[in-house]
Amino acid sequence: MQHKPRPRPDAGCPLAARELETVKWLSLGKTAEEAATIMGISIHTVNRNIINAMSKAGASKATGLVGLALRSGWIE
């Protein structure tokens, strides 16, 4: 499986690159476990990325975070 390039946060995006990459995989329907495997990191790190991203974006749920990231153009 060929991996897509990591998204890069723009000036208006409050998320770190790895947080944004995690959100991108979630937006593609991957579970946290699948994202961890794809990214080569632990499930704990993926969950921490999600929690940190939710906090930075002001989202209360991961689905809201994905929606916000899509609407804001942080991910496609």
Protein backbone atom coordinates (compact mmCIF):
# COMPACT_ATOMS: atom_id res chain seq x y z
CA MET A 1 0.00 0.00 0.00
CA GLN A 2 1.40 3.35 -0.99
CA HIS A 3 1.03 6.07 1.60
CA LYS A 4 -0.19 9.53 0.74
CA PRO A 5 2.13 12.42 1.56
CA ARG A 6 1.68 13.93 4.98
CA PRO A 7 -0.52 17.02 5.00
CA ARG A 8 1.27 20.17 6.05
CA PRO A 9 -0.51 22.62 8.29
CA ASP A 10 -0.95 26.07 6.82
CA ALA A 11 -0.68 29.31 8.75
CA GLY A 12 -4.34 29.13 9.84
CA CYS A 13 -4.20 25.55 11.10
CA PRO A 14 -3.47 25.14 14.82
CA LEU A 15 -2.55 21.45 14.50
CA ALA A 16 0.92 19.94 14.36
CA ALA A 17 1.80 17.96 11.23
CA ARG A 18 1.41 14.52 12.91
CA GLU A 19 -1.91 15.55 14.49
CA LEU A 20 -3.11 16.65 11.09
CA GLU A 21 -1.95 13.40 9.51
CA THR A 22 -3.88 11.47 12.16
CA VAL A 23 -7.03 13.49 11.42
CA LYS A 24 -6.55 12.84 7.70
CA TRP A 25 -6.51 9.06 8.24
CA LEU A 26 -9.63 9.31 10.42
CA SER A 27 -11.35 11.28 7.65
CA LEU A 28 -10.60 8.40 5.29
CA GLY A 29 -12.49 6.03 7.59
CA LYS A 30 -9.49 4.46 9.31
CA THR A 31 -9.76 3.43 12.94
CA ALA A 32 -7.19 4.65 15.45
CA GLU A 33 -5.59 1.20 15.34
CA GLU A 34 -5.40 1.25 11.53
CA ALA A 35 -3.97 4.78 11.56
CA ALA A 36 -1.33 3.68 14.07
CA THR A 37 -0.26 0.82 11.84
CA ILE A 38 -0.16 3.00 8.72
CA MET A 39 1.76 5.77 10.49
CA GLY A 40 4.11 3.36 12.24
CA ILE A 41 3.29 4.65 15.72
CA SER A 42 1.52 3.27 18.75
CA ILE A 43 -2.22 3.41 19.29
CA HIS A 44 -1.49 5.45 22.40
CA THR A 45 0.27 8.08 20.28
CA VAL A 46 -2.61 8.18 17.80
CA ASN A 47 -5.10 8.67 20.63
CA ARG A 48 -2.89 11.39 22.12
CA ASN A 49 -2.73 13.10 18.69
CA ILE A 50 -6.53 13.03 18.49
CA ILE A 51 -6.96 14.43 22.02
CA ASN A 52 -4.40 17.18 21.41
CA ALA A 53 -5.94 18.08 18.05
CA MET A 54 -9.44 18.20 19.56
CA SER A 55 -8.19 20.51 22.31
CA LYS A 56 -6.40 22.84 19.89
CA ALA A 57 -9.37 22.98 17.51
CA GLY A 58 -12.01 23.30 20.24
CA ALA A 59 -13.78 20.11 19.18
CA SER A 60 -15.53 17.88 21.72
CA LYS A 61 -15.54 14.72 19.57
CA ALA A 62 -13.26 13.23 16.92
CA THR A 63 -16.05 13.36 14.33
CA GLY A 64 -16.44 17.07 14.98
CA LEU A 65 -12.69 17.50 14.61
CA VAL A 66 -12.74 15.77 11.21
CA GLY A 67 -15.67 17.92 10.06
CA LEU A 68 -13.96 21.10 11.20
CA ALA A 69 -10.72 20.10 9.49
CA LEU A 70 -12.57 19.43 6.24
CA ARG A 71 -14.62 22.64 6.36
CA SER A 72 -11.55 24.71 7.26
CA GLY A 73 -9.51 23.25 4.41
CA TRP A 74 -6.88 21.77 6.74
CA ILE A 75 -7.41 18.42 5.00
CA GLU A 76 -9.09 17.41 1.75
